[in-house]
Amino acid sequence: MEHQDQLAVVSRRAPANGATVAVSLGEPSMEPDVWRKDVRRARERIGEGQILIVNVLGTPRHDGDAEALVADYLLCAVWAAESGADAVEVHLAAPDPFSEQPQMIYENLPLAAQILYRVRAGVSVPVLARLGPFKSPRQLHETATKLAPWTSGYVLVPGVHRRVVDEKGNAAFEGSTRARAEIVGADTFPIASRQVLEMLVWRKAGAWDRAVLAVGGITSVERAQWILREGADAALVATAALFDPLLAVRFRQAQATAVA
């Protein structure tokens, strides 16, 4: 798959640098009782030196307003904390249901700030803001600065939205509302890592002191090591773990060898 001016071409060829996937599933979730039980089970099983970060996303109602969405984010965050989360990751890289133009919630600063403010006031564990790609370093700086009072750190960039076609140029997914999809995995690394570096530059300049957690395209031990050397506080893997469940094990082995 290759990126060309907001276009993603889906191919079934074997990837050279790790898997890249076009995702068109909406924002599925199990019922609250199910995922809360999963969080409790995860809490019971994590090992020494591990922490449990739970990602939460409010669900917009067809007849609801922004206040209803904010309240749902808060409810999910409270449930996550009560179930044992060490930190709550507020998923702001989701479509803004109240905008006439396509944009993500983190691009609607008043709404994003209100969500974080309410979550921060409602839970006692650290709160992280999950952000997507920005159009410019300045926009990234302004957003991070605005949201800094209500978050302990930033998670970026989980994926990018693109118009998705197959190798013949036809829409990859059926349905008029599925022309654009989220692209995750190896090929997002150039975009994701560049924005992580921009965030680190702003932090070093003293704009604010918050954790920076890198995610997006970290499909190899070498990529994880590089982003950590550049100053990220953590390297998170998502898509890579689906195809390579032992990636974190190899990373730990490589780190141990380096120290020895």
C-alpha atoms as a PDB file:
ATOM      1  CA  MET A   1       0.000   0.000   0.000  1.00  0.00           C
ATOM      2  CA  GLU A   2       1.258   3.496  -0.742  1.00  0.00           C
ATOM      3  CA  HIS A   3       0.024   6.959   0.195  1.00  0.00           C
ATOM      4  CA  GLN A   4      -0.637   9.477  -2.559  1.00  0.00           C
ATOM      5  CA  ASP A   5      -2.235  12.806  -1.657  1.00  0.00           C
ATOM      6  CA  GLN A   6      -4.920  11.533   0.719  1.00  0.00           C
ATOM      7  CA  LEU A   7      -5.276   8.301  -1.261  1.00  0.00           C
ATOM      8  CA  ALA A   8      -4.553   4.781  -0.034  1.00  0.00           C
ATOM      9  CA  VAL A   9      -4.159   1.961  -2.538  1.00  0.00           C
ATOM     10  CA  VAL A  10      -4.934  -1.424  -1.011  1.00  0.00           C
ATOM     11  CA  SER A  11      -2.782  -4.314  -2.189  1.00  0.00           C
ATOM     12  CA  ARG A  12      -2.533  -7.946  -1.107  1.00  0.00           C
ATOM     13  CA  ARG A  13       1.200  -8.128  -1.828  1.00  0.00           C
ATOM     14  CA  ALA A  14       3.375  -9.328   1.050  1.00  0.00           C
ATOM     15  CA  PRO A  15       4.559  -6.288   3.039  1.00  0.00           C
ATOM     16  CA  ALA A  16       8.269  -5.565   3.234  1.00  0.00           C
ATOM     17  CA  ASN A  17       8.210  -3.518   6.429  1.00  0.00           C
ATOM     18  CA  GLY A  18       5.291  -4.979   8.364  1.00  0.00           C
ATOM     19  CA  ALA A  19       1.553  -5.107   7.880  1.00  0.00           C
ATOM     20  CA  THR A  20      -0.556  -2.097   6.882  1.00  0.00           C
ATOM     21  CA  VAL A  21      -4.329  -2.388   7.119  1.00  0.00           C
ATOM     22  CA  ALA A  22      -7.287  -0.308   5.941  1.00  0.00           C
ATOM     23  CA  VAL A  23      -9.962  -0.441   8.645  1.00  0.00           C
ATOM     24  CA  SER A  24     -13.633   0.296   7.953  1.00  0.00           C
ATOM     25  CA  LEU A  25     -15.464  -0.963  11.026  1.00  0.00           C
ATOM     26  CA  GLY A  26     -16.692   2.233  12.658  1.00  0.00           C
ATOM     27  CA  GLU A  27     -16.067   2.281  16.405  1.00  0.00           C
ATOM     28  CA  PRO A  28     -17.279  -1.151  17.559  1.00  0.00           C
ATOM     29  CA  SER A  29     -17.374  -2.062  21.232  1.00  0.00           C
ATOM     30  CA  MET A  30     -18.751  -4.806  23.406  1.00  0.00           C
ATOM     31  CA  GLU A  31     -21.444  -3.937  25.941  1.00  0.00           C
ATOM     32  CA  PRO A  32     -20.089  -2.060  29.004  1.00  0.00           C
ATOM     33  CA  ASP A  33     -20.522  -5.046  31.324  1.00  0.00           C
ATOM     34  CA  VAL A  34     -18.379  -7.146  28.976  1.00  0.00           C
ATOM     35  CA  TRP A  35     -15.470  -4.739  28.530  1.00  0.00           C
ATOM     36  CA  ARG A  36     -15.464  -3.735  32.187  1.00  0.00           C
ATOM     37  CA  LYS A  37     -15.053  -7.406  33.066  1.00  0.00           C
ATOM     38  CA  ASP A  38     -12.205  -7.632  30.528  1.00  0.00           C
ATOM     39  CA  VAL A  39     -10.465  -4.672  32.171  1.00  0.00           C
ATOM     40  CA  ARG A  40     -10.742  -6.327  35.591  1.00  0.00           C
ATOM     41  CA  ARG A  41      -9.298  -9.567  34.211  1.00  0.00           C
ATOM     42  CA  ALA A  42      -6.427  -7.655  32.608  1.00  0.00           C
ATOM     43  CA  ARG A  43      -5.805  -5.874  35.916  1.00  0.00           C
ATOM     44  CA  GLU A  44      -5.464  -9.233  37.656  1.00  0.00           C
ATOM     45  CA  ARG A  45      -3.000 -10.566  35.110  1.00  0.00           C
ATOM     46  CA  ILE A  46      -0.541  -7.753  34.386  1.00  0.00           C
ATOM     47  CA  GLY A  47       3.006  -8.316  35.557  1.00  0.00           C
ATOM     48  CA  GLU A  48       5.488  -6.357  37.589  1.00  0.00           C
ATOM     49  CA  GLY A  49       6.493  -3.115  35.919  1.00  0.00           C
ATOM     50  CA  GLN A  50       3.459  -3.141  33.618  1.00  0.00           C
ATOM     51  CA  ILE A  51       0.627  -0.613  33.589  1.00  0.00           C
ATOM     52  CA  LEU A  52      -2.892  -0.878  32.243  1.00  0.00           C
ATOM     53  CA  ILE A  53      -4.027   1.961  29.967  1.00  0.00           C
ATOM     54  CA  VAL A  54      -7.696   1.803  28.961  1.00  0.00           C
ATOM     55  CA  ASN A  55      -8.869   3.705  25.890  1.00  0.00           C
ATOM     56  CA  VAL A  56     -12.352   5.223  26.187  1.00  0.00           C
ATOM     57  CA  LEU A  57     -14.641   6.764  23.575  1.00  0.00           C
ATOM     58  CA  GLY A  58     -18.026   8.380  24.050  1.00  0.00           C
ATOM     59  CA  THR A  59     -20.898   7.334  21.815  1.00  0.00           C
ATOM     60  CA  PRO A  60     -22.888  10.140  20.147  1.00  0.00           C
ATOM     61  CA  ARG A  61     -26.653   9.722  20.274  1.00  0.00           C
ATOM     62  CA  HIS A  62     -28.827  10.366  17.251  1.00  0.00           C
ATOM     63  CA  ASP A  63     -30.918  12.808  19.288  1.00  0.00           C
ATOM     64  CA  GLY A  64     -28.117  13.954  21.594  1.00  0.00           C
ATOM     65  CA  ASP A  65     -26.076  17.121  21.824  1.00  0.00           C
ATOM     66  CA  ALA A  66     -22.442  17.801  22.732  1.00  0.00           C
ATOM     67  CA  GLU A  67     -23.222  17.666  26.457  1.00  0.00           C
ATOM     68  CA  ALA A  68     -24.579  14.132  26.065  1.00  0.00           C
ATOM     69  CA  LEU A  69     -21.385  13.067  24.281  1.00  0.00           C
ATOM     70  CA  VAL A  70     -19.184  14.634  26.962  1.00  0.00           C
ATOM     71  CA  ALA A  71     -21.206  12.875  29.664  1.00  0.00           C
ATOM     72  CA  ASP A  72     -20.766   9.524  27.905  1.00  0.00           C
ATOM     73  CA  TYR A  73     -16.987  10.023  27.684  1.00  0.00           C
ATOM     74  CA  LEU A  74     -16.974  10.733  31.411  1.00  0.00           C
ATOM     75  CA  LEU A  75     -19.089   7.683  32.225  1.00  0.00           C
ATOM     76  CA  CYS A  76     -16.769   5.398  30.249  1.00  0.00           C
ATOM     77  CA  ALA A  77     -13.711   6.922  31.921  1.00  0.00           C
ATOM     78  CA  VAL A  78     -15.178   6.411  35.398  1.00  0.00           C
ATOM     79  CA  TRP A  79     -16.017   2.803  34.557  1.00  0.00           C
ATOM     80  CA  ALA A  80     -12.482   2.213  33.265  1.00  0.00           C
ATOM     81  CA  ALA A  81     -10.912   3.671  36.408  1.00  0.00           C
ATOM     82  CA  GLU A  82     -13.227   1.713  38.689  1.00  0.00           C
ATOM     83  CA  SER A  83     -12.364  -1.486  36.814  1.00  0.00           C
ATOM     84  CA  GLY A  84      -8.651  -1.061  37.494  1.00  0.00           C
ATOM     85  CA  ALA A  85      -7.116   1.163  34.810  1.00  0.00           C
ATOM     86  CA  ASP A  86      -3.813   2.760  35.817  1.00  0.00           C
ATOM     87  CA  ALA A  87      -4.505   5.495  33.275  1.00  0.00           C
ATOM     88  CA  VAL A  88      -7.417   6.480  31.034  1.00  0.00           C
ATOM     89  CA  GLU A  89      -6.714   7.283  27.390  1.00  0.00           C
ATOM     90  CA  VAL A  90      -9.381   9.615  26.009  1.00  0.00           C
ATOM     91  CA  HIS A  91      -9.897   8.792  22.347  1.00  0.00           C
ATOM     92  CA  LEU A  92     -10.225  12.151  20.591  1.00  0.00           C
ATOM     93  CA  ALA A  93      -9.134  10.851  17.162  1.00  0.00           C
ATOM     94  CA  ALA A  94     -12.721   9.994  16.277  1.00  0.00           C
ATOM     95  CA  PRO A  95     -15.110  11.775  13.874  1.00  0.00           C
ATOM     96  CA  ASP A  96     -16.724  14.931  15.234  1.00  0.00           C
ATOM     97  CA  PRO A  97     -20.496  14.279  14.965  1.00  0.00           C
ATOM     98  CA  PHE A  98     -21.390  17.961  15.268  1.00  0.00           C
ATOM     99  CA  SER A  99     -19.308  19.403  12.433  1.00  0.00           C
ATOM    100  CA  GLU A 100     -20.692  20.122   8.990  1.00  0.00           C
ATOM    101  CA  GLN A 101     -17.234  19.518   7.507  1.00  0.00           C
ATOM    102  CA  PRO A 102     -15.389  16.203   8.064  1.00  0.00           C
ATOM    103  CA  GLN A 103     -13.068  16.583  11.032  1.00  0.00           C
ATOM    104  CA  MET A 104     -11.969  14.757  14.154  1.00  0.00           C
ATOM    105  CA  ILE A 105     -12.958  15.641  17.707  1.00  0.00           C
ATOM    106  CA  TYR A 106      -9.424  16.810  18.566  1.00  0.00           C
ATOM    107  CA  GLU A 107      -9.745  19.358  15.745  1.00  0.00           C
ATOM    108  CA  ASN A 108     -12.786  20.823  17.523  1.00  0.00           C
ATOM    109  CA  LEU A 109     -10.819  22.396  20.367  1.00  0.00           C
ATOM    110  CA  PRO A 110     -13.742  23.585  22.506  1.00  0.00           C
ATOM    111  CA  LEU A 111     -15.318  20.116  22.419  1.00  0.00           C
ATOM    112  CA  ALA A 112     -12.017  18.293  23.000  1.00  0.00           C
ATOM    113  CA  ALA A 113     -11.132  20.568  25.909  1.00  0.00           C
ATOM    114  CA  GLN A 114     -14.561  20.088  27.496  1.00  0.00           C
ATOM    115  CA  ILE A 115     -14.266  16.302  27.258  1.00  0.00           C
ATOM    116  CA  LEU A 116     -10.811  16.273  28.835  1.00  0.00           C
ATOM    117  CA  TYR A 117     -11.834  18.753  31.533  1.00  0.00           C
ATOM    118  CA  ARG A 118     -14.794  16.624  32.607  1.00  0.00           C
ATOM    119  CA  VAL A 119     -12.813  13.387  32.535  1.00  0.00           C
ATOM    120  CA  ARG A 120      -9.917  14.923  34.457  1.00  0.00           C
ATOM    121  CA  ALA A 121     -12.328  16.145  37.140  1.00  0.00           C
ATOM    122  CA  GLY A 122     -14.119  12.810  37.305  1.00  0.00           C
ATOM    123  CA  VAL A 123     -11.290  10.291  37.766  1.00  0.00           C
ATOM    124  CA  SER A 124      -8.265  10.105  40.033  1.00  0.00           C
ATOM    125  CA  VAL A 125      -5.943   8.264  37.635  1.00  0.00           C
ATOM    126  CA  PRO A 126      -3.783   9.981  34.972  1.00  0.00           C
ATOM    127  CA  VAL A 127      -5.627  11.078  31.831  1.00  0.00           C
ATOM    128  CA  LEU A 128      -4.032  10.801  28.374  1.00  0.00           C
ATOM    129  CA  ALA A 129      -5.287  12.491  25.194  1.00  0.00           C
ATOM    130  CA  ARG A 130      -5.247  10.350  22.049  1.00  0.00           C
ATOM    131  CA  LEU A 131      -4.715  12.591  19.018  1.00  0.00           C
ATOM    132  CA  GLY A 132      -4.559  12.043  15.266  1.00  0.00           C
ATOM    133  CA  PRO A 133      -2.533  13.681  12.489  1.00  0.00           C
ATOM    134  CA  PHE A 134      -2.368  17.480  12.233  1.00  0.00           C
ATOM    135  CA  LYS A 135      -2.238  19.638   9.144  1.00  0.00           C
ATOM    136  CA  SER A 136       0.748  21.633  10.442  1.00  0.00           C
ATOM    137  CA  PRO A 137       3.207  21.781  13.364  1.00  0.00           C
ATOM    138  CA  ARG A 138       1.560  25.036  14.452  1.00  0.00           C
ATOM    139  CA  GLN A 139      -1.842  23.369  14.728  1.00  0.00           C
ATOM    140  CA  LEU A 140      -0.286  20.558  16.749  1.00  0.00           C
ATOM    141  CA  HIS A 141       1.351  23.074  19.086  1.00  0.00           C
ATOM    142  CA  GLU A 142      -1.827  25.092  19.573  1.00  0.00           C
ATOM    143  CA  THR A 143      -3.896  21.983  20.278  1.00  0.00           C
ATOM    144  CA  ALA A 144      -1.398  20.470  22.713  1.00  0.00           C
ATOM    145  CA  THR A 145      -1.055  23.792  24.531  1.00  0.00           C
ATOM    146  CA  LYS A 146      -4.820  24.238  24.823  1.00  0.00           C
ATOM    147  CA  LEU A 147      -5.364  20.698  26.149  1.00  0.00           C
ATOM    148  CA  ALA A 148      -2.307  20.550  28.440  1.00  0.00           C
ATOM    149  CA  PRO A 149      -4.086  21.701  31.650  1.00  0.00           C
ATOM    150  CA  TRP A 150      -6.334  18.614  31.647  1.00  0.00           C
ATOM    151  CA  THR A 151      -4.020  15.822  30.518  1.00  0.00           C
ATOM    152  CA  SER A 152      -0.944  14.019  31.794  1.00  0.00           C
ATOM    153  CA  GLY A 153       0.237  13.152  28.305  1.00  0.00           C
ATOM    154  CA  TYR A 154      -0.467  12.679  24.612  1.00  0.00           C
ATOM    155  CA  VAL A 155      -0.774   9.511  22.533  1.00  0.00           C
ATOM    156  CA  LEU A 156      -0.111  10.003  18.803  1.00  0.00           C
ATOM    157  CA  VAL A 157      -0.660   9.059  16.002  1.00  0.00           C
ATOM    158  CA  PRO A 158      -2.773   5.858  15.942  1.00  0.00           C
ATOM    159  CA  GLY A 159      -3.756   6.059  12.264  1.00  0.00           C
ATOM    160  CA  VAL A 160      -4.603   8.274   9.316  1.00  0.00           C
ATOM    161  CA  HIS A 161      -7.832   8.591   7.323  1.00  0.00           C
ATOM    162  CA  ARG A 162      -7.581   8.182   3.566  1.00  0.00           C
ATOM    163  CA  ARG A 163      -9.764   7.539   0.570  1.00  0.00           C
ATOM    164  CA  VAL A 164      -9.239   3.826  -0.076  1.00  0.00           C
ATOM    165  CA  VAL A 165      -9.219   2.133  -3.483  1.00  0.00           C
ATOM    166  CA  ASP A 166      -8.028  -1.217  -4.781  1.00  0.00           C
ATOM    167  CA  GLU A 167      -5.259  -1.738  -7.340  1.00  0.00           C
ATOM    168  CA  LYS A 168      -7.748  -1.096 -10.167  1.00  0.00           C
ATOM    169  CA  GLY A 169      -8.823   2.233  -8.703  1.00  0.00           C
ATOM    170  CA  ASN A 170     -12.204   1.019  -7.500  1.00  0.00           C
ATOM    171  CA  ALA A 171     -13.537   1.733  -4.009  1.00  0.00           C
ATOM    172  CA  ALA A 172     -12.128  -0.887  -1.664  1.00  0.00           C
ATOM    173  CA  PHE A 173     -15.200  -0.954   0.596  1.00  0.00           C
ATOM    174  CA  GLU A 174     -18.841  -1.151  -0.416  1.00  0.00           C
ATOM    175  CA  GLY A 175     -21.180   1.633   0.642  1.00  0.00           C
ATOM    176  CA  SER A 176     -21.313   5.374  -0.035  1.00  0.00           C
ATOM    177  CA  THR A 177     -20.193   6.265   3.502  1.00  0.00           C
ATOM    178  CA  ARG A 178     -17.117   4.036   3.450  1.00  0.00           C
ATOM    179  CA  ALA A 179     -15.018   5.768   0.797  1.00  0.00           C
ATOM    180  CA  ARG A 180     -12.598   6.899   3.515  1.00  0.00           C
ATOM    181  CA  ALA A 181     -11.168   4.528   6.098  1.00  0.00           C
ATOM    182  CA  GLU A 182      -8.542   4.502   8.807  1.00  0.00           C
ATOM    183  CA  ILE A 183      -5.103   3.303   7.728  1.00  0.00           C
ATOM    184  CA  VAL A 184      -3.053   1.663  10.482  1.00  0.00           C
ATOM    185  CA  GLY A 185       0.219  -0.223  10.586  1.00  0.00           C
ATOM    186  CA  ALA A 186       3.681   0.018   9.083  1.00  0.00           C
ATOM    187  CA  ASP A 187       3.111   2.608   6.355  1.00  0.00           C
ATOM    188  CA  THR A 188       1.846   5.196   8.828  1.00  0.00           C
ATOM    189  CA  PHE A 189       5.221   5.387  10.573  1.00  0.00           C
ATOM    190  CA  PRO A 190       6.623   8.345   8.563  1.00  0.00           C
ATOM    191  CA  ILE A 191       3.558  10.463   9.395  1.00  0.00           C
ATOM    192  CA  ALA A 192       3.207   9.307  12.995  1.00  0.00           C
ATOM    193  CA  SER A 193       6.886   9.551  13.910  1.00  0.00           C
ATOM    194  CA  ARG A 194       7.243  12.993  12.355  1.00  0.00           C
ATOM    195  CA  GLN A 195       4.451  14.332  14.522  1.00  0.00           C
ATOM    196  CA  VAL A 196       5.881  12.675  17.621  1.00  0.00           C
ATOM    197  CA  LEU A 197       9.185  14.424  16.919  1.00  0.00           C
ATOM    198  CA  GLU A 198       7.366  17.743  16.458  1.00  0.00           C
ATOM    199  CA  MET A 199       5.624  17.226  19.794  1.00  0.00           C
ATOM    200  CA  LEU A 200       8.957  16.478  21.463  1.00  0.00           C
ATOM    201  CA  VAL A 201      10.464  19.665  20.011  1.00  0.00           C
ATOM    202  CA  TRP A 202       7.648  21.757  21.486  1.00  0.00           C
ATOM    203  CA  ARG A 203       8.067  20.040  24.853  1.00  0.00           C
ATOM    204  CA  LYS A 204      11.819  20.632  24.835  1.00  0.00           C
ATOM    205  CA  ALA A 205      11.153  24.294  24.068  1.00  0.00           C
ATOM    206  CA  GLY A 206       9.181  24.498  27.309  1.00  0.00           C
ATOM    207  CA  ALA A 207       5.676  24.827  25.866  1.00  0.00           C
ATOM    208  CA  TRP A 208       4.427  22.326  28.461  1.00  0.00           C
ATOM    209  CA  ASP A 209       5.698  19.314  30.411  1.00  0.00           C
ATOM    210  CA  ARG A 210       3.588  16.293  29.473  1.00  0.00           C
ATOM    211  CA  ALA A 211       4.358  12.690  28.584  1.00  0.00           C
ATOM    212  CA  VAL A 212       4.555  11.806  24.876  1.00  0.00           C
ATOM    213  CA  LEU A 213       3.545   8.247  23.993  1.00  0.00           C
ATOM    214  CA  ALA A 214       4.347   7.214  20.430  1.00  0.00           C
ATOM    215  CA  VAL A 215       2.050   4.928  18.449  1.00  0.00           C
ATOM    216  CA  GLY A 216       1.534   4.346  14.756  1.00  0.00           C
ATOM    217  CA  GLY A 217       3.620   2.152  12.480  1.00  0.00           C
ATOM    218  CA  ILE A 218       5.913   0.818  15.216  1.00  0.00           C
ATOM    219  CA  THR A 219       6.238  -2.605  13.615  1.00  0.00           C
ATOM    220  CA  SER A 220       9.819  -3.517  14.516  1.00  0.00           C
ATOM    221  CA  VAL A 221      12.176  -3.508  17.466  1.00  0.00           C
ATOM    222  CA  GLU A 222      14.362  -1.018  15.599  1.00  0.00           C
ATOM    223  CA  ARG A 223      11.510   1.473  15.170  1.00  0.00           C
ATOM    224  CA  ALA A 224      10.585   1.222  18.855  1.00  0.00           C
ATOM    225  CA  GLN A 225      14.194   1.748  19.920  1.00  0.00           C
ATOM    226  CA  TRP A 226      14.622   4.727  17.612  1.00  0.00           C
ATOM    227  CA  ILE A 227      11.505   6.580  18.779  1.00  0.00           C
ATOM    228  CA  LEU A 228      12.498   6.051  22.419  1.00  0.00           C
ATOM    229  CA  ARG A 229      16.018   7.350  21.759  1.00  0.00           C
ATOM    230  CA  GLU A 230      14.455  10.453  20.240  1.00  0.00           C
ATOM    231  CA  GLY A 231      12.736  11.157  23.558  1.00  0.00           C
ATOM    232  CA  ALA A 232       9.300   9.510  23.528  1.00  0.00           C
ATOM    233  CA  ASP A 233       8.263   8.319  26.983  1.00  0.00           C
ATOM    234  CA  ALA A 234       6.797   5.082  25.639  1.00  0.00           C
ATOM    235  CA  ALA A 235       6.433   3.180  22.367  1.00  0.00           C
ATOM    236  CA  LEU A 236       3.026   1.539  21.937  1.00  0.00           C
ATOM    237  CA  VAL A 237       2.191  -1.200  19.447  1.00  0.00           C
ATOM    238  CA  ALA A 238      -1.278  -2.057  18.198  1.00  0.00           C
ATOM    239  CA  THR A 239      -1.603  -3.414  14.648  1.00  0.00           C
ATOM    240  CA  ALA A 240       1.885  -4.922  14.846  1.00  0.00           C
ATOM    241  CA  ALA A 241       0.893  -7.067  17.829  1.00  0.00           C
ATOM    242  CA  LEU A 242      -1.918  -8.664  15.811  1.00  0.00           C
ATOM    243  CA  PHE A 243       0.561  -9.992  13.253  1.00  0.00           C
ATOM    244  CA  ASP A 244       3.586 -10.351  15.527  1.00  0.00           C
ATOM    245  CA  PRO A 245       2.502 -11.135  19.117  1.00  0.00           C
ATOM    246  CA  LEU A 246       6.119 -11.589  20.278  1.00  0.00           C
ATOM    247  CA  LEU A 247       7.327  -8.142  19.161  1.00  0.00           C
ATOM    248  CA  ALA A 248       7.395  -6.831  22.737  1.00  0.00           C
ATOM    249  CA  VAL A 249       9.280  -9.925  23.899  1.00  0.00           C
ATOM    250  CA  ARG A 250      11.991  -9.373  21.288  1.00  0.00           C
ATOM    251  CA  PHE A 251      12.154  -5.702  22.251  1.00  0.00           C
ATOM    252  CA  ARG A 252      12.783  -6.596  25.895  1.00  0.00           C
ATOM    253  CA  GLN A 253      15.418  -9.134  24.875  1.00  0.00           C
ATOM    254  CA  ALA A 254      17.162  -6.549  22.706  1.00  0.00           C
ATOM    255  CA  GLN A 255      17.105  -4.017  25.540  1.00  0.00           C
ATOM    256  CA  ALA A 256      18.510  -6.533  27.985  1.00  0.00           C
ATOM    257  CA  THR A 257      21.291  -7.445  25.568  1.00  0.00           C
ATOM    258  CA  ALA A 258      22.160  -3.786  25.062  1.00  0.00           C
ATOM    259  CA  VAL A 259      22.404  -3.193  28.816  1.00  0.00           C
ATOM    260  CA  ALA A 260      24.525  -6.318  29.326  1.00  0.00           C
END
